Amino acid sequence: QNSLENSLRAETGDVLHRPIGSSAKKWPHLDPITFIPAQTTPF
């Protein structure tokens, strides 16, 4: 992604406007969190 975006910068000389947000870094997120199930009480 960095290589291709740098190529676009070299081609146009303009500020890039990337759609659909950031994809160049891994942000800490919600996946390490889980819910606690009710099984023996509460049900």
All heavy atoms as atom14 arrays in JSON, in Angstrom:
{
  "sequence": "QNSLENSLRAETGDVLHRPIGSSAKKWPHLDPITFIPAQTTPF",
  "atom14_mask": [
    [1, 1, 1, 1, 1, 1, 1, 1, 1, 0, 0, 0, 0, 0],
    [1, 1, 1, 1, 1, 1, 1, 1, 0, 0, 0, 0, 0, 0],
    [1, 1, 1, 1, 1, 1, 0, 0, 0, 0, 0, 0, 0, 0],
    [1, 1, 1, 1, 1, 1, 1, 1, 0, 0, 0, 0, 0, 0],
    [1, 1, 1, 1, 1, 1, 1, 1, 1, 0, 0, 0, 0, 0],
    [1, 1, 1, 1, 1, 1, 1, 1, 0, 0, 0, 0, 0, 0],
    [1, 1, 1, 1, 1, 1, 0, 0, 0, 0, 0, 0, 0, 0],
    [1, 1, 1, 1, 1, 1, 1, 1, 0, 0, 0, 0, 0, 0],
    [1, 1, 1, 1, 1, 1, 1, 1, 1, 1, 1, 0, 0, 0],
    [1, 1, 1, 1, 1, 0, 0, 0, 0, 0, 0, 0, 0, 0],
    [1, 1, 1, 1, 1, 1, 1, 1, 1, 0, 0, 0, 0, 0],
    [1, 1, 1, 1, 1, 1, 1, 0, 0, 0, 0, 0, 0, 0],
    [1, 1, 1, 1, 0, 0, 0, 0, 0, 0, 0, 0, 0, 0],
    [1, 1, 1, 1, 1, 1, 1, 1, 0, 0, 0, 0, 0, 0],
    [1, 1, 1, 1, 1, 1, 1, 0, 0, 0, 0, 0, 0, 0],
    [1, 1, 1, 1, 1, 1, 1, 1, 0, 0, 0, 0, 0, 0],
    [1, 1, 1, 1, 1, 1, 1, 1, 1, 1, 0, 0, 0, 0],
    [1, 1, 1, 1, 1, 1, 1, 1, 1, 1, 1, 0, 0, 0],
    [1, 1, 1, 1, 1, 1, 1, 0, 0, 0, 0, 0, 0, 0],
    [1, 1, 1, 1, 1, 1, 1, 1, 0, 0, 0, 0, 0, 0],
    [1, 1, 1, 1, 0, 0, 0, 0, 0, 0, 0, 0, 0, 0],
    [1, 1, 1, 1, 1, 1, 0, 0, 0, 0, 0, 0, 0, 0],
    [1, 1, 1, 1, 1, 1, 0, 0, 0, 0, 0, 0, 0, 0],
    [1, 1, 1, 1, 1, 0, 0, 0, 0, 0, 0, 0, 0, 0],
    [1, 1, 1, 1, 1, 1, 1, 1, 1, 0, 0, 0, 0, 0],
    [1, 1, 1, 1, 1, 1, 1, 1, 1, 0, 0, 0, 0, 0],
    [1, 1, 1, 1, 1, 1, 1, 1, 1, 1, 1, 1, 1, 1],
    [1, 1, 1, 1, 1, 1, 1, 0, 0, 0, 0, 0, 0, 0],
    [1, 1, 1, 1, 1, 1, 1, 1, 1, 1, 0, 0, 0, 0],
    [1, 1, 1, 1, 1, 1, 1, 1, 0, 0, 0, 0, 0, 0],
    [1, 1, 1, 1, 1, 1, 1, 1, 0, 0, 0, 0, 0, 0],
    [1, 1, 1, 1, 1, 1, 1, 0, 0, 0, 0, 0, 0, 0],
    [1, 1, 1, 1, 1, 1, 1, 1, 0, 0, 0, 0, 0, 0],
    [1, 1, 1, 1, 1, 1, 1, 0, 0, 0, 0, 0, 0, 0],
    [1, 1, 1, 1, 1, 1, 1, 1, 1, 1, 1, 0, 0, 0],
    [1, 1, 1, 1, 1, 1, 1, 1, 0, 0, 0, 0, 0, 0],
    [1, 1, 1, 1, 1, 1, 1, 0, 0, 0, 0, 0, 0, 0],
    [1, 1, 1, 1, 1, 0, 0, 0, 0, 0, 0, 0, 0, 0],
    [1, 1, 1, 1, 1, 1, 1, 1, 1, 0, 0, 0, 0, 0],
    [1, 1, 1, 1, 1, 1, 1, 0, 0, 0, 0, 0, 0, 0],
    [1, 1, 1, 1, 1, 1, 1, 0, 0, 0, 0, 0, 0, 0],
    [1, 1, 1, 1, 1, 1, 1, 0, 0, 0, 0, 0, 0, 0],
    [1, 1, 1, 1, 1, 1, 1, 1, 1, 1, 1, 0, 0, 0]
  ],
  "atom14_positions": [
    [[0.82, -1.21, 0.0], [0.0, 0.0, 0.0], [0.86, 1.26, 0.0], [0.6, 2.2, -0.76], [-0.93, 0.01, 1.22], [-1.86, 1.22, 1.24], [-2.86, 1.15, 2.36], [-3.32, 0.07, 2.71], [-3.21, 2.28, 2.92], [0.0, 0.0, 0.0], [0.0, 0.0, 0.0], [0.0, 0.0, 0.0], [0.0, 0.0, 0.0], [0.0, 0.0, 0.0]],
    [[1.89, 1.29, 0.85], [2.77, 2.46, 0.88], [3.46, 2.68, -0.47], [3.6, 3.81, -0.94], [3.84, 2.3, 1.97], [3.24, 2.4, 3.36], [2.18, 2.97, 3.54], [3.94, 1.84, 4.33], [0.0, 0.0, 0.0], [0.0, 0.0, 0.0], [0.0, 0.0, 0.0], [0.0, 0.0, 0.0], [0.0, 0.0, 0.0], [0.0, 0.0, 0.0]],
    [[3.89, 1.58, -1.09], [4.57, 1.69, -2.38], [3.65, 2.27, -3.45], [4.03, 3.17, -4.21], [5.07, 0.31, -2.84], [5.99, -0.22, -1.91], [0.0, 0.0, 0.0], [0.0, 0.0, 0.0], [0.0, 0.0, 0.0], [0.0, 0.0, 0.0], [0.0, 0.0, 0.0], [0.0, 0.0, 0.0], [0.0, 0.0, 0.0], [0.0, 0.0, 0.0]],
    [[2.41, 1.76, -3.51], [1.47, 2.24, -4.51], [1.03, 3.67, -4.24], [0.91, 4.48, -5.17], [0.26, 1.3, -4.57], [0.55, -0.13, -5.02], [-0.72, -0.98, -4.99], [1.17, -0.15, -6.41], [0.0, 0.0, 0.0], [0.0, 0.0, 0.0], [0.0, 0.0, 0.0], [0.0, 0.0, 0.0], [0.0, 0.0, 0.0], [0.0, 0.0, 0.0]],
    [[0.81, 4.01, -2.97], [0.42, 5.39, -2.65], [1.56, 6.36, -2.94], [1.31, 7.48, -3.42], [-0.03, 5.49, -1.2], [-1.39, 4.83, -0.95], [-1.91, 5.03, 0.46], [-1.14, 5.51, 1.33], [-3.09, 4.72, 0.71], [0.0, 0.0, 0.0], [0.0, 0.0, 0.0], [0.0, 0.0, 0.0], [0.0, 0.0, 0.0], [0.0, 0.0, 0.0]],
    [[2.8, 5.96, -2.69], [3.92, 6.84, -3.03], [4.04, 7.02, -4.54], [4.43, 8.09, -5.03], [5.23, 6.27, -2.47], [5.42, 6.61, -0.99], [4.7, 7.46, -0.45], [6.36, 5.95, -0.34], [0.0, 0.0, 0.0], [0.0, 0.0, 0.0], [0.0, 0.0, 0.0], [0.0, 0.0, 0.0], [0.0, 0.0, 0.0], [0.0, 0.0, 0.0]],
    [[3.69, 5.99, -5.3], [3.7, 6.11, -6.76], [2.65, 7.12, -7.22], [2.89, 7.91, -8.14], [3.42, 4.74, -7.41], [4.51, 3.87, -7.2], [0.0, 0.0, 0.0], [0.0, 0.0, 0.0], [0.0, 0.0, 0.0], [0.0, 0.0, 0.0], [0.0, 0.0, 0.0], [0.0, 0.0, 0.0], [0.0, 0.0, 0.0], [0.0, 0.0, 0.0]],
    [[1.48, 7.11, -6.56], [0.45, 8.1, -6.91], [0.89, 9.51, -6.55], [0.61, 10.47, -7.28], [-0.86, 7.76, -6.2], [-1.54, 6.45, -6.63], [-2.79, 6.2, -5.79], [-1.92, 6.51, -8.1], [0.0, 0.0, 0.0], [0.0, 0.0, 0.0], [0.0, 0.0, 0.0], [0.0, 0.0, 0.0], [0.0, 0.0, 0.0], [0.0, 0.0, 0.0]],
    [[1.6, 9.66, -5.43], [2.14, 10.98, -5.07], [3.13, 11.46, -6.13], [3.14, 12.63, -6.53], [2.82, 10.92, -3.7], [1.87, 10.7, -2.53], [2.63, 10.68, -1.2], [1.69, 10.57, -0.07], [1.45, 9.45, 0.6], [2.09, 8.32, 0.27], [0.6, 9.43, 1.59], [0.0, 0.0, 0.0], [0.0, 0.0, 0.0], [0.0, 0.0, 0.0]],
    [[3.98, 10.53, -6.58], [4.98, 10.87, -7.59], [4.34, 11.21, -8.93], [4.86, 12.03, -9.7], [5.97, 9.72, -7.76], [0.0, 0.0, 0.0], [0.0, 0.0, 0.0], [0.0, 0.0, 0.0], [0.0, 0.0, 0.0], [0.0, 0.0, 0.0], [0.0, 0.0, 0.0], [0.0, 0.0, 0.0], [0.0, 0.0, 0.0], [0.0, 0.0, 0.0]],
    [[3.19, 10.6, -9.21], [2.51, 10.83, -10.48], [1.81, 12.18, -10.53], [1.9, 12.91, -11.53], [1.47, 9.71, -10.7], [0.6, 9.89, -11.93], [1.36, 9.78, -13.24], [2.46, 9.18, -13.25], [0.85, 10.3, -14.25], [0.0, 0.0, 0.0], [0.0, 0.0, 0.0], [0.0, 0.0, 0.0], [0.0, 0.0, 0.0], [0.0, 0.0, 0.0]],
    [[1.12, 12.55, -9.43], [0.27, 13.74, -9.48], [0.87, 14.98, -8.82], [0.58, 16.1, -9.24], [-1.07, 13.45, -8.78], [-0.84, 13.24, -7.37], [-1.75, 12.22, -9.37], [0.0, 0.0, 0.0], [0.0, 0.0, 0.0], [0.0, 0.0, 0.0], [0.0, 0.0, 0.0], [0.0, 0.0, 0.0], [0.0, 0.0, 0.0], [0.0, 0.0, 0.0]],
    [[1.67, 14.8, -7.81], [2.18, 15.95, -7.05], [1.13, 16.57, -6.15], [1.37, 17.59, -5.51], [0.0, 0.0, 0.0], [0.0, 0.0, 0.0], [0.0, 0.0, 0.0], [0.0, 0.0, 0.0], [0.0, 0.0, 0.0], [0.0, 0.0, 0.0], [0.0, 0.0, 0.0], [0.0, 0.0, 0.0], [0.0, 0.0, 0.0], [0.0, 0.0, 0.0]],
    [[-0.06, 15.94, -6.07], [-1.15, 16.46, -5.24], [-1.27, 15.67, -3.94], [-0.77, 14.54, -3.84], [-2.48, 16.37, -6.0], [-2.51, 17.25, -7.23], [-1.87, 18.32, -7.2], [-3.17, 16.87, -8.22], [0.0, 0.0, 0.0], [0.0, 0.0, 0.0], [0.0, 0.0, 0.0], [0.0, 0.0, 0.0], [0.0, 0.0, 0.0], [0.0, 0.0, 0.0]],
    [[-1.97, 16.27, -2.98], [-2.28, 15.54, -1.75], [-3.24, 14.4, -2.09], [-4.24, 14.6, -2.77], [-2.94, 16.47, -0.71], [-3.43, 15.69, 0.5], [-1.95, 17.55, -0.28], [0.0, 0.0, 0.0], [0.0, 0.0, 0.0], [0.0, 0.0, 0.0], [0.0, 0.0, 0.0], [0.0, 0.0, 0.0], [0.0, 0.0, 0.0], [0.0, 0.0, 0.0]],
    [[-2.92, 13.18, -1.63], [-3.8, 12.04, -1.88], [-5.07, 12.16, -1.04], [-5.05, 12.74, 0.05], [-3.09, 10.73, -1.51], [-1.9, 10.29, -2.36], [-1.44, 8.92, -1.91], [-2.25, 10.28, -3.83], [0.0, 0.0, 0.0], [0.0, 0.0, 0.0], [0.0, 0.0, 0.0], [0.0, 0.0, 0.0], [0.0, 0.0, 0.0], [0.0, 0.0, 0.0]],
    [[-6.15, 11.59, -1.54], [-7.39, 11.48, -0.77], [-7.84, 10.03, -0.83], [-8.51, 9.61, -1.75], [-8.45, 12.43, -1.32], [-8.22, 13.85, -0.91], [-7.32, 14.66, -1.57], [-8.72, 14.58, 0.11], [-7.3, 15.85, -0.99], [-8.14, 15.83, 0.04], [0.0, 0.0, 0.0], [0.0, 0.0, 0.0], [0.0, 0.0, 0.0], [0.0, 0.0, 0.0]],
    [[-7.44, 9.27, 0.18], [-7.73, 7.84, 0.23], [-9.15, 7.59, 0.75], [-9.54, 8.15, 1.77], [-6.73, 7.15, 1.15], [-6.93, 5.63, 1.26], [-6.38, 5.08, 2.56], [-4.96, 5.24, 2.65], [-4.32, 5.33, 3.82], [-4.97, 5.3, 4.96], [-3.01, 5.47, 3.85], [0.0, 0.0, 0.0], [0.0, 0.0, 0.0], [0.0, 0.0, 0.0]],
    [[-9.92, 6.74, 0.08], [-11.26, 6.4, 0.57], [-11.24, 5.29, 1.61], [-10.25, 4.58, 1.75], [-11.99, 5.95, -0.69], [-10.9, 5.38, -1.54], [-9.65, 6.18, -1.25], [0.0, 0.0, 0.0], [0.0, 0.0, 0.0], [0.0, 0.0, 0.0], [0.0, 0.0, 0.0], [0.0, 0.0, 0.0], [0.0, 0.0, 0.0], [0.0, 0.0, 0.0]],
    [[-12.33, 5.16, 2.35], [-12.59, 4.06, 3.28], [-11.56, 3.99, 4.41], [-11.17, 2.92, 4.88], [-12.7, 2.69, 2.57], [-13.53, 2.82, 1.31], [-13.36, 1.65, 3.46], [-14.98, 3.2, 1.52], [0.0, 0.0, 0.0], [0.0, 0.0, 0.0], [0.0, 0.0, 0.0], [0.0, 0.0, 0.0], [0.0, 0.0, 0.0], [0.0, 0.0, 0.0]],
    [[-11.06, 5.12, 4.87], [-10.32, 5.18, 6.13], [-8.92, 4.6, 6.13], [-8.33, 4.31, 5.1], [0.0, 0.0, 0.0], [0.0, 0.0, 0.0], [0.0, 0.0, 0.0], [0.0, 0.0, 0.0], [0.0, 0.0, 0.0], [0.0, 0.0, 0.0], [0.0, 0.0, 0.0], [0.0, 0.0, 0.0], [0.0, 0.0, 0.0], [0.0, 0.0, 0.0]],
    [[-8.4, 4.42, 7.35], [-7.04, 3.96, 7.54], [-6.94, 2.45, 7.41], [-7.76, 1.71, 7.93], [-6.53, 4.36, 8.92], [-5.26, 3.81, 9.17], [0.0, 0.0, 0.0], [0.0, 0.0, 0.0], [0.0, 0.0, 0.0], [0.0, 0.0, 0.0], [0.0, 0.0, 0.0], [0.0, 0.0, 0.0], [0.0, 0.0, 0.0], [0.0, 0.0, 0.0]],
    [[-5.93, 2.0, 6.67], [-5.69, 0.56, 6.57], [-4.2, 0.26, 6.71], [-3.76, -0.85, 6.53], [-6.2, 0.03, 5.23], [-5.59, 0.72, 4.16], [0.0, 0.0, 0.0], [0.0, 0.0, 0.0], [0.0, 0.0, 0.0], [0.0, 0.0, 0.0], [0.0, 0.0, 0.0], [0.0, 0.0, 0.0], [0.0, 0.0, 0.0], [0.0, 0.0, 0.0]],
    [[-3.44, 1.3, 7.0], [-1.99, 1.15, 7.02], [-1.46, 0.74, 8.39], [-0.28, 0.48, 8.54], [-1.32, 2.45, 6.58], [0.0, 0.0, 0.0], [0.0, 0.0, 0.0], [0.0, 0.0, 0.0], [0.0, 0.0, 0.0], [0.0, 0.0, 0.0], [0.0, 0.0, 0.0], [0.0, 0.0, 0.0], [0.0, 0.0, 0.0], [0.0, 0.0, 0.0]],
    [[-2.32, 0.71, 9.4], [-1.84, 0.31, 10.72], [-2.89, -0.55, 11.41], [-4.07, -0.51, 11.08], [-1.52, 1.53, 11.57], [-2.72, 2.39, 11.93], [-2.4, 3.35, 13.05], [-1.31, 4.31, 12.66], [-1.01, 5.28, 13.72], [0.0, 0.0, 0.0], [0.0, 0.0, 0.0], [0.0, 0.0, 0.0], [0.0, 0.0, 0.0], [0.0, 0.0, 0.0]],
    [[-2.44, -1.34, 12.37], [-3.32, -2.19, 13.16], [-3.6, -1.48, 14.47], [-2.72, -1.33, 15.31], [-2.66, -3.56, 13.4], [-2.41, -4.37, 12.14], [-3.7, -4.8, 11.48], [-3.44, -5.67, 10.26], [-4.7, -6.05, 9.57], [0.0, 0.0, 0.0], [0.0, 0.0, 0.0], [0.0, 0.0, 0.0], [0.0, 0.0, 0.0], [0.0, 0.0, 0.0]],
    [[-4.85, -1.03, 14.63], [-5.22, -0.35, 15.86], [-5.65, -1.39, 16.91], [-6.26, -2.4, 16.58], [-6.41, 0.57, 15.61], [-6.17, 1.7, 14.65], [-6.24, 1.63, 13.3], [-5.87, 3.05, 14.97], [-5.99, 2.87, 12.75], [-5.76, 3.76, 13.76], [-5.68, 3.74, 16.17], [-5.48, 5.12, 13.71], [-5.4, 5.09, 16.12], [-5.29, 5.77, 14.91]],
    [[-5.38, -1.13, 18.2], [-5.98, -1.98, 19.24], [-7.49, -1.92, 19.1], [-8.06, -0.84, 18.87], [-5.53, -1.31, 20.55], [-4.33, -0.51, 20.17], [-4.55, -0.06, 18.76], [0.0, 0.0, 0.0], [0.0, 0.0, 0.0], [0.0, 0.0, 0.0], [0.0, 0.0, 0.0], [0.0, 0.0, 0.0], [0.0, 0.0, 0.0], [0.0, 0.0, 0.0]],
    [[-8.15, -3.07, 19.19], [-9.59, -3.05, 18.92], [-10.34, -3.96, 19.89], [-9.81, -4.31, 20.95], [-9.84, -3.44, 17.46], [-11.14, -2.93, 16.9], [-11.67, -1.71, 17.24], [-12.01, -3.49, 16.02], [-12.82, -1.54, 16.59], [-13.05, -2.6, 15.85], [0.0, 0.0, 0.0], [0.0, 0.0, 0.0], [0.0, 0.0, 0.0], [0.0, 0.0, 0.0]],
    [[-11.52, -4.38, 19.51], [-12.45, -5.04, 20.42], [-12.36, -6.56, 20.41], [-12.98, -7.22, 21.25], [-13.89, -4.63, 20.05], [-14.17, -3.13, 20.19], [-15.26, -2.71, 19.21], [-14.57, -2.79, 21.61], [0.0, 0.0, 0.0], [0.0, 0.0, 0.0], [0.0, 0.0, 0.0], [0.0, 0.0, 0.0], [0.0, 0.0, 0.0], [0.0, 0.0, 0.0]],
    [[-11.6, -7.13, 19.5], [-11.59, -8.58, 19.35], [-11.05, -9.34, 20.57], [-11.51, -10.46, 20.83], [-10.81, -8.98, 18.1], [-11.5, -8.47, 16.83], [-12.75, -8.44, 16.82], [-10.81, -8.09, 15.88], [0.0, 0.0, 0.0], [0.0, 0.0, 0.0], [0.0, 0.0, 0.0], [0.0, 0.0, 0.0], [0.0, 0.0, 0.0], [0.0, 0.0, 0.0]],
    [[-10.09, -8.8, 21.35], [-9.64, -9.53, 22.55], [-10.64, -9.56, 23.69], [-10.4, -10.18, 24.72], [-8.37, -8.75, 22.97], [-7.98, -7.95, 21.78], [-9.25, -7.61, 21.09], [0.0, 0.0, 0.0], [0.0, 0.0, 0.0], [0.0, 0.0, 0.0], [0.0, 0.0, 0.0], [0.0, 0.0, 0.0], [0.0, 0.0, 0.0], [0.0, 0.0, 0.0]],
    [[-11.77, -8.88, 23.52], [-12.8, -8.83, 24.56], [-13.9, -9.83, 24.22], [-14.31, -9.95, 23.07], [-13.41, -7.41, 24.65], [-12.32, -6.37, 24.94], [-14.51, -7.35, 25.7], [-12.8, -4.95, 24.79], [0.0, 0.0, 0.0], [0.0, 0.0, 0.0], [0.0, 0.0, 0.0], [0.0, 0.0, 0.0], [0.0, 0.0, 0.0], [0.0, 0.0, 0.0]],
    [[-14.39, -10.56, 25.23], [-15.51, -11.49, 25.02], [-16.56, -11.3, 26.11], [-16.28, -10.76, 27.18], [-15.04, -12.96, 25.02], [-14.34, -13.23, 26.24], [-14.11, -13.24, 23.84], [0.0, 0.0, 0.0], [0.0, 0.0, 0.0], [0.0, 0.0, 0.0], [0.0, 0.0, 0.0], [0.0, 0.0, 0.0], [0.0, 0.0, 0.0], [0.0, 0.0, 0.0]],
    [[-17.79, -11.75, 25.8], [-18.89, -11.66, 26.74], [-18.89, -12.87, 27.68], [-18.38, -13.94, 27.35], [-20.23, -11.62, 25.99], [-20.4, -10.4, 25.12], [-20.32, -10.5, 23.74], [-20.64, -9.15, 25.68], [-20.47, -9.39, 22.93], [-20.8, -8.04, 24.88], [-20.72, -8.15, 23.5], [0.0, 0.0, 0.0], [0.0, 0.0, 0.0], [0.0, 0.0, 0.0]],
    [[-19.49, -12.69, 28.85], [-19.61, -13.77, 29.83], [-20.99, -14.42, 29.68], [-22.01, -13.76, 29.83], [-19.44, -13.24, 31.27], [-18.05, -12.6, 31.43], [-19.63, -14.37, 32.28], [-17.86, -11.9, 32.76], [0.0, 0.0, 0.0], [0.0, 0.0, 0.0], [0.0, 0.0, 0.0], [0.0, 0.0, 0.0], [0.0, 0.0, 0.0], [0.0, 0.0, 0.0]],
    [[-21.04, -15.71, 29.38], [-22.34, -16.37, 29.18], [-23.02, -16.72, 30.51], [-22.36, -16.95, 31.52], [-21.97, -17.64, 28.41], [-20.58, -17.94, 28.88], [-19.91, -16.62, 29.11], [0.0, 0.0, 0.0], [0.0, 0.0, 0.0], [0.0, 0.0, 0.0], [0.0, 0.0, 0.0], [0.0, 0.0, 0.0], [0.0, 0.0, 0.0], [0.0, 0.0, 0.0]],
    [[-24.34, -16.74, 30.48], [-25.13, -17.24, 31.62], [-25.42, -18.71, 31.36], [-25.95, -19.07, 30.31], [-26.43, -16.46, 31.73], [0.0, 0.0, 0.0], [0.0, 0.0, 0.0], [0.0, 0.0, 0.0], [0.0, 0.0, 0.0], [0.0, 0.0, 0.0], [0.0, 0.0, 0.0], [0.0, 0.0, 0.0], [0.0, 0.0, 0.0], [0.0, 0.0, 0.0]],
    [[-25.05, -19.6, 32.33], [-25.24, -21.02, 32.1], [-25.84, -21.73, 33.31], [-26.91, -22.36, 33.2], [-23.9, -21.67, 31.7], [-23.38, -21.14, 30.37], [-22.07, -21.78, 29.95], [-22.04, -22.71, 29.15], [-20.98, -21.28, 30.5], [0.0, 0.0, 0.0], [0.0, 0.0, 0.0], [0.0, 0.0, 0.0], [0.0, 0.0, 0.0], [0.0, 0.0, 0.0]],
    [[-25.17, -21.64, 34.46], [-25.65, -22.39, 35.63], [-26.49, -21.53, 36.57], [-27.29, -22.05, 37.33], [-24.47, -22.98, 36.41], [-23.55, -21.91, 36.76], [-23.75, -24.0, 35.57], [0.0, 0.0, 0.0], [0.0, 0.0, 0.0], [0.0, 0.0, 0.0], [0.0, 0.0, 0.0], [0.0, 0.0, 0.0], [0.0, 0.0, 0.0], [0.0, 0.0, 0.0]],
    [[-26.29, -20.27, 36.61], [-27.13, -19.25, 37.25], [-26.34, -17.95, 37.23], [-25.16, -17.94, 37.64], [-27.55, -19.59, 38.7], [-28.49, -18.6, 39.15], [-26.38, -19.6, 39.67], [0.0, 0.0, 0.0], [0.0, 0.0, 0.0], [0.0, 0.0, 0.0], [0.0, 0.0, 0.0], [0.0, 0.0, 0.0], [0.0, 0.0, 0.0], [0.0, 0.0, 0.0]],
    [[-26.93, -16.89, 36.67], [-28.25, -16.88, 36.03], [-28.29, -17.79, 34.81], [-27.25, -18.25, 34.32], [-28.44, -15.41, 35.65], [-27.06, -14.9, 35.44], [-26.22, -15.61, 36.47], [0.0, 0.0, 0.0], [0.0, 0.0, 0.0], [0.0, 0.0, 0.0], [0.0, 0.0, 0.0], [0.0, 0.0, 0.0], [0.0, 0.0, 0.0], [0.0, 0.0, 0.0]],
    [[-29.5, -18.01, 34.31], [-29.7, -18.89, 33.17], [-29.94, -18.06, 31.9], [-30.34, -16.9, 31.96], [-30.88, -19.82, 33.41], [-30.74, -20.65, 34.65], [-31.56, -20.44, 35.74], [-29.76, -21.64, 34.72], [-31.42, -21.21, 36.89], [-29.61, -22.41, 35.86], [-30.43, -22.2, 36.95], [0.0, 0.0, 0.0], [0.0, 0.0, 0.0], [0.0, 0.0, 0.0]]
  ]
}
